[in-house]
Amino acid sequence: MRTSVPAAIAALVLALPVVLIEESPSLAAATVFVETNPSTVPAGDQIGIRASCDDNLKPATVTIDPIGAITVSPSYGFLTSTTRVPPATDAGDYPVRLKCPDGKTAENTLHVVVKVEPARGPATGGGGTAPRLSAGAMIGGGLATVVAGVVLGVVAVRRRRLG
């Protein structure tokens, strides 16, 4: 049986990804992971946790040092949960560890930063720098506009009758 050269090349190209995955355990191990969203958070804020094990149908445990153990549950093909970083947490980097039911693990890092509250909002020109008008001036201006409209309406009706 003879095989043409293009057919042999096509078979080799199609088989190459399968050989690479079997030979490289780092490519196959990418299915077990843990991540936080956001990965950098001020103390006291909420974070989302998304993880994946080989079997995402069973809950797993994620441990974060300032928070403790958190159970991540199956949701839309991943293991997810939300939690809040305690407000008294010091700024720093904290390990996030996933332990799957089959014993596999994954690790990531949560960066906690100091929460800074601004003293006032930015002066963007949205009225914060505009001079204050008193209520009396605004009411007087509105009444003057209404009176001017009535006078112009009366004049227009009289001109129509006379003309």
N, C-alpha and C. Protein backbone atom coordinates (compact mmCIF):
# COMPACT_ATOMS: atom_id res chain seq x y z
N MET A 1 0.85 -1.16 0.00
CA MET A 1 0.00 0.00 0.00
C MET A 1 0.90 1.23 0.00
N ARG A 2 0.66 2.12 -0.96
CA ARG A 2 1.45 3.34 -1.08
C ARG A 2 0.68 4.50 -0.50
N THR A 3 1.39 5.36 0.20
CA THR A 3 0.80 6.56 0.77
C THR A 3 1.46 7.76 0.12
N SER A 4 0.64 8.71 -0.28
CA SER A 4 1.19 9.89 -0.91
C SER A 4 1.89 10.76 0.14
N VAL A 5 2.82 11.58 -0.31
CA VAL A 5 3.59 12.44 0.59
C VAL A 5 2.68 13.45 1.30
N PRO A 6 1.73 14.14 0.60
CA PRO A 6 0.86 15.08 1.32
C PRO A 6 0.00 14.40 2.39
N ALA A 7 -0.46 13.17 2.13
CA ALA A 7 -1.27 12.47 3.12
C ALA A 7 -0.43 12.10 4.33
N ALA A 8 0.82 11.73 4.14
CA ALA A 8 1.70 11.39 5.26
C ALA A 8 2.00 12.63 6.10
N ILE A 9 2.22 13.75 5.45
CA ILE A 9 2.47 15.00 6.18
C ILE A 9 1.24 15.41 6.97
N ALA A 10 0.06 15.29 6.39
CA ALA A 10 -1.18 15.64 7.09
C ALA A 10 -1.38 14.76 8.31
N ALA A 11 -1.10 13.46 8.20
CA ALA A 11 -1.24 12.55 9.34
C ALA A 11 -0.26 12.92 10.45
N LEU A 12 0.97 13.29 10.07
CA LEU A 12 1.97 13.69 11.04
C LEU A 12 1.56 14.97 11.78
N VAL A 13 1.05 15.94 11.04
CA VAL A 13 0.63 17.21 11.63
C VAL A 13 -0.54 17.00 12.59
N LEU A 14 -1.48 16.12 12.24
CA LEU A 14 -2.62 15.86 13.10
C LEU A 14 -2.23 15.07 14.35
N ALA A 15 -1.22 14.23 14.28
CA ALA A 15 -0.81 13.42 15.41
C ALA A 15 0.13 14.17 16.35
N LEU A 16 0.77 15.24 15.90
CA LEU A 16 1.75 15.97 16.70
C LEU A 16 1.19 16.53 18.00
N PRO A 17 0.01 17.20 18.02
CA PRO A 17 -0.51 17.70 19.31
C PRO A 17 -0.77 16.59 20.32
N VAL A 18 -1.22 15.42 19.87
CA VAL A 18 -1.48 14.30 20.79
C VAL A 18 -0.18 13.82 21.41
N VAL A 19 0.88 13.74 20.62
CA VAL A 19 2.18 13.29 21.12
C VAL A 19 2.72 14.32 22.11
N LEU A 20 2.60 15.60 21.81
CA LEU A 20 3.11 16.65 22.70
C LEU A 20 2.40 16.64 24.05
N ILE A 21 1.10 16.47 24.07
CA ILE A 21 0.35 16.46 25.32
C ILE A 21 0.73 15.25 26.16
N GLU A 22 0.90 14.09 25.53
CA GLU A 22 1.28 12.89 26.27
C GLU A 22 2.69 13.01 26.81
N GLU A 23 3.59 13.68 26.11
CA GLU A 23 4.98 13.79 26.53
C GLU A 23 5.19 14.92 27.53
N SER A 24 4.32 15.92 27.57
CA SER A 24 4.51 17.09 28.43
C SER A 24 3.45 17.11 29.52
N PRO A 25 3.79 16.74 30.76
CA PRO A 25 2.79 16.74 31.82
C PRO A 25 2.33 18.14 32.19
N SER A 26 3.14 19.17 31.92
CA SER A 26 2.73 20.53 32.27
C SER A 26 1.54 20.98 31.43
N LEU A 27 1.43 20.49 30.19
CA LEU A 27 0.28 20.86 29.37
C LEU A 27 -0.99 20.16 29.86
N ALA A 28 -0.89 18.94 30.29
CA ALA A 28 -2.05 18.20 30.75
C ALA A 28 -2.49 18.66 32.14
N ALA A 29 -1.56 19.18 32.96
CA ALA A 29 -1.88 19.57 34.33
C ALA A 29 -2.55 20.93 34.42
N ALA A 30 -2.75 21.60 33.32
CA ALA A 30 -3.33 22.94 33.34
C ALA A 30 -4.81 22.93 33.70
N THR A 31 -5.43 21.77 33.86
CA THR A 31 -6.85 21.72 34.19
C THR A 31 -7.11 21.95 35.66
N VAL A 32 -6.10 21.87 36.52
CA VAL A 32 -6.26 22.11 37.95
C VAL A 32 -5.68 23.49 38.25
N PHE A 33 -6.55 24.44 38.64
CA PHE A 33 -6.08 25.80 38.92
C PHE A 33 -7.01 26.45 39.93
N VAL A 34 -6.55 27.58 40.49
CA VAL A 34 -7.34 28.42 41.38
C VAL A 34 -6.97 29.87 41.08
N GLU A 35 -7.98 30.75 41.09
CA GLU A 35 -7.74 32.17 40.86
C GLU A 35 -8.73 33.00 41.65
N THR A 36 -8.32 34.22 41.98
CA THR A 36 -9.21 35.16 42.66
C THR A 36 -9.46 36.34 41.73
N ASN A 37 -10.64 36.90 41.85
CA ASN A 37 -11.00 38.05 41.03
C ASN A 37 -11.63 39.10 41.92
N PRO A 38 -10.98 40.23 42.12
CA PRO A 38 -9.69 40.64 41.59
C PRO A 38 -8.56 39.97 42.35
N SER A 39 -7.37 39.98 41.75
CA SER A 39 -6.22 39.36 42.41
C SER A 39 -5.55 40.34 43.37
N THR A 40 -5.82 41.64 43.20
CA THR A 40 -5.35 42.67 44.11
C THR A 40 -6.57 43.37 44.67
N VAL A 41 -6.69 43.40 46.00
CA VAL A 41 -7.93 43.87 46.62
C VAL A 41 -7.61 44.63 47.91
N PRO A 42 -8.33 45.72 48.20
CA PRO A 42 -8.18 46.37 49.50
C PRO A 42 -8.83 45.52 50.60
N ALA A 43 -8.29 45.60 51.80
CA ALA A 43 -8.86 44.88 52.93
C ALA A 43 -10.30 45.33 53.13
N GLY A 44 -11.20 44.36 53.35
CA GLY A 44 -12.62 44.65 53.55
C GLY A 44 -13.46 44.47 52.31
N ASP A 45 -12.85 44.30 51.15
CA ASP A 45 -13.60 44.14 49.91
C ASP A 45 -13.91 42.67 49.63
N GLN A 46 -14.83 42.45 48.70
CA GLN A 46 -15.26 41.10 48.33
C GLN A 46 -14.42 40.58 47.17
N ILE A 47 -14.18 39.27 47.17
CA ILE A 47 -13.46 38.63 46.07
C ILE A 47 -14.26 37.44 45.57
N GLY A 48 -14.06 37.12 44.31
CA GLY A 48 -14.63 35.91 43.73
C GLY A 48 -13.53 34.87 43.57
N ILE A 49 -13.86 33.64 43.82
CA ILE A 49 -12.88 32.55 43.68
C ILE A 49 -13.39 31.61 42.59
N ARG A 50 -12.51 31.29 41.65
CA ARG A 50 -12.84 30.34 40.59
C ARG A 50 -11.74 29.30 40.55
N ALA A 51 -12.13 28.05 40.56
CA ALA A 51 -11.15 26.96 40.58
C ALA A 51 -11.62 25.86 39.64
N SER A 52 -10.70 24.94 39.38
CA SER A 52 -11.03 23.79 38.55
C SER A 52 -10.20 22.60 39.01
N CYS A 53 -10.87 21.48 39.15
CA CYS A 53 -10.22 20.19 39.43
C CYS A 53 -10.48 19.28 38.24
N ASP A 54 -9.96 18.07 38.27
CA ASP A 54 -10.25 17.13 37.19
C ASP A 54 -11.73 16.82 37.11
N ASP A 55 -12.39 16.79 38.27
CA ASP A 55 -13.83 16.53 38.35
C ASP A 55 -14.50 17.75 38.98
N ASN A 56 -15.11 18.60 38.18
CA ASN A 56 -15.74 19.81 38.70
C ASN A 56 -17.19 19.58 39.13
N LEU A 57 -17.54 18.33 39.41
CA LEU A 57 -18.89 18.01 39.88
C LEU A 57 -18.94 17.87 41.40
N LYS A 58 -17.78 17.89 42.05
CA LYS A 58 -17.72 17.76 43.50
C LYS A 58 -17.10 19.02 44.09
N PRO A 59 -17.60 19.48 45.25
CA PRO A 59 -17.00 20.66 45.89
C PRO A 59 -15.55 20.40 46.29
N ALA A 60 -14.78 21.47 46.38
CA ALA A 60 -13.39 21.39 46.81
C ALA A 60 -13.16 22.47 47.87
N THR A 61 -11.96 22.51 48.43
CA THR A 61 -11.65 23.47 49.49
C THR A 61 -10.53 24.38 49.05
N VAL A 62 -10.76 25.69 49.24
CA VAL A 62 -9.73 26.71 48.99
C VAL A 62 -9.40 27.34 50.34
N THR A 63 -8.11 27.43 50.63
CA THR A 63 -7.66 28.03 51.88
C THR A 63 -6.87 29.29 51.57
N ILE A 64 -7.29 30.41 52.20
CA ILE A 64 -6.58 31.68 52.08
C ILE A 64 -6.26 32.10 53.51
N ASP A 65 -4.98 32.38 53.80
CA ASP A 65 -4.54 32.61 55.18
C ASP A 65 -5.37 33.61 55.98
N PRO A 66 -5.66 34.82 55.51
CA PRO A 66 -6.42 35.72 56.38
C PRO A 66 -7.91 35.38 56.47
N ILE A 67 -8.40 34.53 55.58
CA ILE A 67 -9.84 34.23 55.54
C ILE A 67 -10.14 32.87 56.14
N GLY A 68 -9.35 31.87 55.80
CA GLY A 68 -9.59 30.51 56.27
C GLY A 68 -10.01 29.61 55.13
N ALA A 69 -10.67 28.50 55.48
CA ALA A 69 -11.10 27.52 54.49
C ALA A 69 -12.45 27.93 53.89
N ILE A 70 -12.55 27.82 52.57
CA ILE A 70 -13.76 28.19 51.83
C ILE A 70 -14.11 27.02 50.93
N THR A 71 -15.37 26.64 50.91
CA THR A 71 -15.81 25.57 50.01
C THR A 71 -16.23 26.19 48.69
N VAL A 72 -15.63 25.71 47.61
CA VAL A 72 -16.02 26.14 46.26
C VAL A 72 -16.91 25.06 45.68
N SER A 73 -18.04 25.48 45.12
CA SER A 73 -19.06 24.55 44.63
C SER A 73 -19.18 24.62 43.12
N PRO A 74 -19.65 23.54 42.49
CA PRO A 74 -19.80 23.52 41.04
C PRO A 74 -20.79 24.58 40.55
N SER A 75 -20.38 25.30 39.50
CA SER A 75 -21.22 26.32 38.88
C SER A 75 -20.70 26.59 37.48
N TYR A 76 -21.52 26.27 36.47
CA TYR A 76 -21.20 26.52 35.06
C TYR A 76 -19.84 25.93 34.66
N GLY A 77 -19.53 24.73 35.09
CA GLY A 77 -18.32 24.05 34.67
C GLY A 77 -17.09 24.36 35.50
N PHE A 78 -17.20 25.24 36.49
CA PHE A 78 -16.08 25.57 37.36
C PHE A 78 -16.52 25.40 38.81
N LEU A 79 -15.59 25.55 39.72
CA LEU A 79 -15.89 25.57 41.15
C LEU A 79 -15.76 27.02 41.59
N THR A 80 -16.84 27.59 42.15
CA THR A 80 -16.84 29.02 42.45
C THR A 80 -17.35 29.31 43.85
N SER A 81 -16.99 30.49 44.33
CA SER A 81 -17.49 31.00 45.59
C SER A 81 -17.12 32.47 45.68
N THR A 82 -17.77 33.19 46.59
CA THR A 82 -17.40 34.57 46.89
C THR A 82 -17.20 34.69 48.39
N THR A 83 -16.31 35.59 48.77
CA THR A 83 -16.05 35.84 50.18
C THR A 83 -15.52 37.25 50.34
N ARG A 84 -15.40 37.67 51.57
CA ARG A 84 -14.91 39.01 51.85
C ARG A 84 -13.59 38.92 52.62
N VAL A 85 -12.63 39.75 52.23
CA VAL A 85 -11.37 39.84 52.96
C VAL A 85 -11.65 40.62 54.24
N PRO A 86 -11.28 40.10 55.40
CA PRO A 86 -11.56 40.81 56.65
C PRO A 86 -10.95 42.22 56.64
N PRO A 87 -11.69 43.22 57.15
CA PRO A 87 -11.20 44.60 57.12
C PRO A 87 -9.89 44.80 57.90
N ALA A 88 -9.61 43.97 58.88
CA ALA A 88 -8.40 44.13 59.69
C ALA A 88 -7.18 43.44 59.08
N THR A 89 -7.31 42.92 57.86
CA THR A 89 -6.20 42.21 57.22
C THR A 89 -5.08 43.18 56.86
N ASP A 90 -3.86 42.82 57.22
CA ASP A 90 -2.70 43.65 56.88
C ASP A 90 -2.40 43.53 55.40
N ALA A 91 -1.82 44.60 54.83
CA ALA A 91 -1.42 44.57 53.43
C ALA A 91 -0.31 43.55 53.24
N GLY A 92 -0.37 42.82 52.13
CA GLY A 92 0.65 41.82 51.84
C GLY A 92 0.17 40.80 50.84
N ASP A 93 1.00 39.83 50.57
CA ASP A 93 0.68 38.74 49.63
C ASP A 93 0.33 37.50 50.44
N TYR A 94 -0.80 36.88 50.10
CA TYR A 94 -1.28 35.70 50.82
C TYR A 94 -1.48 34.55 49.85
N PRO A 95 -1.01 33.35 50.20
CA PRO A 95 -1.20 32.20 49.31
C PRO A 95 -2.66 31.74 49.28
N VAL A 96 -3.09 31.36 48.10
CA VAL A 96 -4.43 30.80 47.89
C VAL A 96 -4.20 29.35 47.47
N ARG A 97 -4.68 28.41 48.28
CA ARG A 97 -4.41 26.99 48.02
C ARG A 97 -5.71 26.24 47.75
N LEU A 98 -5.73 25.49 46.65
CA LEU A 98 -6.86 24.64 46.29
C LEU A 98 -6.50 23.20 46.60
N LYS A 99 -7.43 22.50 47.25
CA LYS A 99 -7.27 21.06 47.46
C LYS A 99 -8.49 20.37 46.86
N CYS A 100 -8.26 19.59 45.81
CA CYS A 100 -9.33 18.88 45.12
C CYS A 100 -9.69 17.60 45.88
N PRO A 101 -10.90 17.07 45.65
CA PRO A 101 -11.30 15.83 46.33
C PRO A 101 -10.39 14.64 46.02
N ASP A 102 -9.74 14.66 44.85
CA ASP A 102 -8.85 13.54 44.49
C ASP A 102 -7.42 13.75 45.01
N GLY A 103 -7.18 14.85 45.76
CA GLY A 103 -5.87 15.10 46.35
C GLY A 103 -4.99 16.04 45.56
N LYS A 104 -5.35 16.40 44.34
CA LYS A 104 -4.54 17.33 43.55
C LYS A 104 -4.65 18.73 44.15
N THR A 105 -3.61 19.53 43.95
CA THR A 105 -3.59 20.87 44.51
C THR A 105 -3.17 21.89 43.46
N ALA A 106 -3.49 23.14 43.75
CA ALA A 106 -3.05 24.26 42.93
C ALA A 106 -2.87 25.45 43.87
N GLU A 107 -2.05 26.40 43.46
CA GLU A 107 -1.77 27.54 44.31
C GLU A 107 -1.71 28.81 43.49
N ASN A 108 -2.09 29.92 44.12
CA ASN A 108 -2.04 31.24 43.52
C ASN A 108 -1.76 32.23 44.64
N THR A 109 -1.78 33.54 44.33
CA THR A 109 -1.50 34.55 45.34
C THR A 109 -2.57 35.63 45.31
N LEU A 110 -3.01 36.03 46.51
CA LEU A 110 -3.94 37.15 46.68
C LEU A 110 -3.13 38.31 47.23
N HIS A 111 -3.21 39.47 46.56
CA HIS A 111 -2.49 40.67 46.98
C HIS A 111 -3.48 41.58 47.70
N VAL A 112 -3.25 41.83 48.98
CA VAL A 112 -4.10 42.72 49.76
C VAL A 112 -3.35 44.04 49.92
N VAL A 113 -4.03 45.14 49.60
CA VAL A 113 -3.43 46.48 49.69
C VAL A 113 -4.18 47.29 50.73
N VAL A 114 -3.57 48.40 51.14
CA VAL A 114 -4.18 49.28 52.12
C VAL A 114 -5.35 50.01 51.47
N LYS A 115 -6.47 50.07 52.17
CA LYS A 115 -7.65 50.77 51.65
C LYS A 115 -7.51 52.25 51.95
N VAL A 116 -7.53 53.07 50.92
CA VAL A 116 -7.38 54.51 51.07
C VAL A 116 -8.69 55.16 50.64
N GLU A 117 -9.28 55.92 51.53
CA GLU A 117 -10.51 56.65 51.22
C GLU A 117 -10.16 58.08 50.84
N PRO A 118 -10.59 58.57 49.69
CA PRO A 118 -10.29 59.95 49.32
C PRO A 118 -11.03 60.94 50.22
N ALA A 119 -10.40 62.10 50.46
CA ALA A 119 -11.02 63.12 51.30
C ALA A 119 -12.21 63.76 50.60
N ARG A 120 -12.12 63.96 49.31
CA ARG A 120 -13.23 64.50 48.53
C ARG A 120 -13.07 64.03 47.10
N GLY A 121 -14.13 64.17 46.32
CA GLY A 121 -14.09 63.75 44.93
C GLY A 121 -13.26 64.69 44.08
N PRO A 122 -12.92 64.27 42.88
CA PRO A 122 -12.12 65.12 42.01
C PRO A 122 -12.93 66.30 41.49
N ALA A 123 -12.26 67.42 41.26
CA ALA A 123 -12.91 68.61 40.72
C ALA A 123 -12.95 68.48 39.20
N THR A 124 -14.01 67.84 38.70
CA THR A 124 -14.11 67.57 37.27
C THR A 124 -15.00 68.56 36.54
N GLY A 125 -15.54 69.54 37.24
CA GLY A 125 -16.38 70.54 36.60
C GLY A 125 -17.83 70.13 36.51
N GLY A 126 -18.24 69.13 37.24
CA GLY A 126 -19.63 68.68 37.22
C GLY A 126 -20.50 69.45 38.20
N GLY A 127 -20.16 70.68 38.48
CA GLY A 127 -20.95 71.47 39.40
C GLY A 127 -20.27 71.70 40.72
N GLY A 128 -19.22 70.97 41.00
CA GLY A 128 -18.52 71.12 42.26
C GLY A 128 -17.83 72.45 42.39
N THR A 129 -17.46 73.08 41.27
CA THR A 129 -16.77 74.37 41.32
C THR A 129 -17.67 75.52 40.92
N ALA A 130 -18.93 75.26 40.59
CA ALA A 130 -19.86 76.32 40.17
C ALA A 130 -20.29 77.13 41.39
N PRO A 131 -20.52 78.46 41.20
CA PRO A 131 -20.97 79.28 42.33
C PRO A 131 -22.38 78.87 42.75
N ARG A 132 -22.68 79.00 44.01
CA ARG A 132 -24.00 78.64 44.54
C ARG A 132 -25.01 79.76 44.27
N LEU A 133 -26.19 79.40 43.78
CA LEU A 133 -27.28 80.36 43.60
C LEU A 133 -28.30 80.11 44.69
N SER A 134 -28.84 81.18 45.20
CA SER A 134 -29.83 81.01 46.26
C SER A 134 -31.18 80.62 45.65
N ALA A 135 -32.02 80.02 46.46
CA ALA A 135 -33.33 79.57 45.99
C ALA A 135 -34.19 80.75 45.56
N GLY A 136 -34.07 81.88 46.25
CA GLY A 136 -34.86 83.07 45.91
C GLY A 136 -34.56 83.57 44.51
N ALA A 137 -33.28 83.59 44.13
CA ALA A 137 -32.90 84.05 42.79
C ALA A 137 -33.43 83.10 41.72
N MET A 138 -33.40 81.82 42.00
CA MET A 138 -33.89 80.85 41.02
C MET A 138 -35.41 80.95 40.86
N ILE A 139 -36.15 81.12 41.96
CA ILE A 139 -37.61 81.26 41.89
C ILE A 139 -37.98 82.56 41.19
N GLY A 140 -37.28 83.65 41.51
CA GLY A 140 -37.55 84.94 40.85
C GLY A 140 -37.30 84.88 39.36
N GLY A 141 -36.22 84.23 38.96
CA GLY A 141 -35.93 84.10 37.53
C GLY A 141 -36.98 83.27 36.81
N GLY A 142 -37.46 82.22 37.46
CA GLY A 142 -38.52 81.39 36.86
C GLY A 142 -39.82 82.16 36.70
N LEU A 143 -40.19 82.92 37.73
CA LEU A 143 -41.43 83.73 37.65
C LEU A 143 -41.31 84.79 36.57
N ALA A 144 -40.16 85.45 36.46
CA ALA A 144 -39.97 86.48 35.43
C ALA A 144 -40.10 85.87 34.04
N THR A 145 -39.62 84.64 33.84
CA THR A 145 -39.74 83.98 32.55
C THR A 145 -41.19 83.66 32.22
N VAL A 146 -41.96 83.20 33.21
CA VAL A 146 -43.38 82.90 32.99
C VAL A 146 -44.14 84.17 32.66
N VAL A 147 -43.90 85.27 33.39
CA VAL A 147 -44.60 86.54 33.14
C VAL A 147 -44.27 87.05 31.75
N ALA A 148 -43.00 86.96 31.35
CA ALA A 148 -42.62 87.42 30.00
C ALA A 148 -43.33 86.60 28.94
N GLY A 149 -43.48 85.31 29.15
CA GLY A 149 -44.19 84.46 28.19
C GLY A 149 -45.66 84.84 28.07
N VAL A 150 -46.31 85.14 29.21
CA VAL A 150 -47.72 85.54 29.18
C VAL A 150 -47.88 86.88 28.46
N VAL A 151 -47.01 87.84 28.74
CA VAL A 151 -47.09 89.16 28.08
C VAL A 151 -46.89 89.00 26.58
N LEU A 152 -45.92 88.20 26.15
CA LEU A 152 -45.71 88.00 24.72
C LEU A 152 -46.90 87.30 24.07
N GLY A 153 -47.53 86.39 24.78
CA GLY A 153 -48.72 85.71 24.24
C GLY A 153 -49.87 86.68 24.06
N VAL A 154 -50.10 87.56 25.03
CA VAL A 154 -51.18 88.56 24.92
C VAL A 154 -50.91 89.50 23.76
N VAL A 155 -49.68 89.96 23.63
CA VAL A 155 -49.33 90.87 22.53
C VAL A 155 -49.55 90.18 21.19
N ALA A 156 -49.20 88.94 21.07
CA ALA A 156 -49.35 88.21 19.81
C ALA A 156 -50.82 88.05 19.45
N VAL A 157 -51.67 87.77 20.44
CA VAL A 157 -53.11 87.61 20.18
C VAL A 157 -53.71 88.94 19.74
N ARG A 158 -53.36 90.07 20.37
CA ARG A 158 -53.88 91.39 20.01
C ARG A 158 -53.44 91.78 18.61
N ARG A 159 -52.22 91.49 18.25
CA ARG A 159 -51.73 91.87 16.92
C ARG A 159 -52.51 91.11 15.85
N ARG A 160 -52.87 89.88 16.15
CA ARG A 160 -53.60 89.08 15.18
C ARG A 160 -55.00 89.65 14.98
N ARG A 161 -55.63 90.10 16.06
CA ARG A 161 -56.97 90.66 15.95
C ARG A 161 -56.96 92.01 15.23
N LEU A 162 -55.96 92.82 15.48
CA LEU A 162 -55.90 94.15 14.87
C LEU A 162 -55.46 94.09 13.42
N GLY A 163 -54.64 93.20 13.11
CA GLY A 163 -54.01 93.18 11.80
C GLY A 163 -54.73 92.41 10.81
